[in-house]
């Protein structure tokens, strides 16, 4: 039976017999979306108005109403809207897969990403909110209660923009989002509570549009993510498209053939065998296995106690076979329906956050390092990859030049040592700094990531208490290669990045040394430094600048040591002169 209902947002009213509010868990999926409620740690899927648990994430507009869940993929329906979350217009236009999927809906006259659905033009969060409204209505009908609080799951590698879009969509539907949790974490949460498992577990989550893998340490009462990996542009949809190209048929027909071959060896009517299907999709499955291996290595966990399968695509037999071949005799858990594990975990977390008698701690992890640009283009990491969330880290910075009245901050994300190789998130400026010598101003920078994975950055100048706060909501998502590509590049270029950072730090220190010496010469009275001494120092500075132009760290360091030795007398003279000026005219009893 088709999952279908008309949404009348303005005319809808909740049931009259309402009692205490309840918190639900929502799995907003690429292919299907689900909503569940948990009572006394027992989750239950809330069925829709057609008595179905899985709601197809398909949106249609007809006769002034939004229709959700029509699986027939009619011409004027949008499906896989989740794959656009966190993207901007250029992201879609430059991505062949996304463009092909949504080319009939993209509003090319708009500079932002907007989709035209049968004459109605909406943003991605506005469209996604229609699915949340549908889920909300079915929950309120089932529970006979006003439902306003929810825990919502997102792929582990959703960035701030994508998480922000999901939160906005939920808010537009009337939900207060108690927590955003990653889908693999939610699935493991379901196993941790229901099965009382303990140990180190790997969650392999292959959904319709994304692939996520997480390593989790599960103990009684505590679930901590220690490493994450994945690809936001790899999922069951990609398998469907590959198969559709091979069969020269529609994606819907390919999807149906794939599902049937999960429990049949062959389809006689189209002359397709399971072994041929596996041959076609083997490269995609190999990609997921390689990402899984990399994540295990990053977690530094030699022993994995079990693999938890999540996502409808894990029903493909080849996946279990590939995992067995790659990881030996590690037990594979699939006793919770892979389509339901995520929403069960979300529902359990919703109950955990609203029930006083439950004590279970869920700790998610930061997928990529976050930091600031330092002088010389160096990326200074403030919050490291795989740090537990929520987290707050404060570091102190200072000015580089005398009487500097402003400081610019460039926030970046990534694992490389230089800013040019990282992803830019945001910029802001702290103005009206007190007039002080270089290094005199003290500014505290605090990076905070909340439990939903949203980053905020604050700057505080300590003497005058100037402050600036910013919440990071970048206008675009990660590129197709996303986190896995970033980490791969960081690993390949680790030695180069390390040496390049050391070189830049050496150049910065040398420039600072020259600056201080030149400033000292300007401030000293002429009688303290002979002209031939000034000339010698000037020549030494020119020589040191030539060393810096070679970009050879050892040569620069050697030149700096010689320069320091040459100017040692000058620095001592300046210090003595400064002290003499401070003491001039003062009685010895007043000197403390």
Foldseek 3Di string as FASTA:
>chain_A
DFQKDWDDPVPDDFFPPADDEAEWEWELAQFWIWIWADDPLRIDTQAAPVRHGTAGQKWAADPNTIMTGGLPCDPQIQGSLLLCQQAWPVQQVVDVVNCVRQVVFFDPVDRTTWGARPNDIGHSLQSSLVVLLRNQRSVSVVVVHRYAEFEYEDALQFAQRRLVSPCSSSVVSRHDYPAYYYLQLLLVLSCCRPVVDAAWEWEFAAAAAWTKIWIWGHDVQEIATQWIWIFRGAHNLVLLVLQCVVLVHDSSVSSVVQVVQLPDQADVVSGDGLVVSCVSCVVSLVVSLVRNVVRCVSSVDPDHQEYEYAYPVCSRVVNVVVCCVSPPPRHYDCPDPNDCSRSSSRNSVSCVVVPPVDRHYYWYWAQWFKAKQDPLQFTDTFGHGRDTPFDKGKDKDWAAAFQDFKDKIWMWIAQFGGNVLTHTFDIDMFGRFDGGGTPPWIKMKMWGAHNRRWIKIKIATPPVGGMDIDTTNGSRTAHRCPSVVRVVVCVVCVVVRVLLNLLSVLVSVLVSVLVVLVVLVVPDDDVVADPVLVVVLVVLNVVLVVQNVVSDNVSNVVSSVVSCVSCVVSVVSSVVVVVCVVCPPPDPVPDD
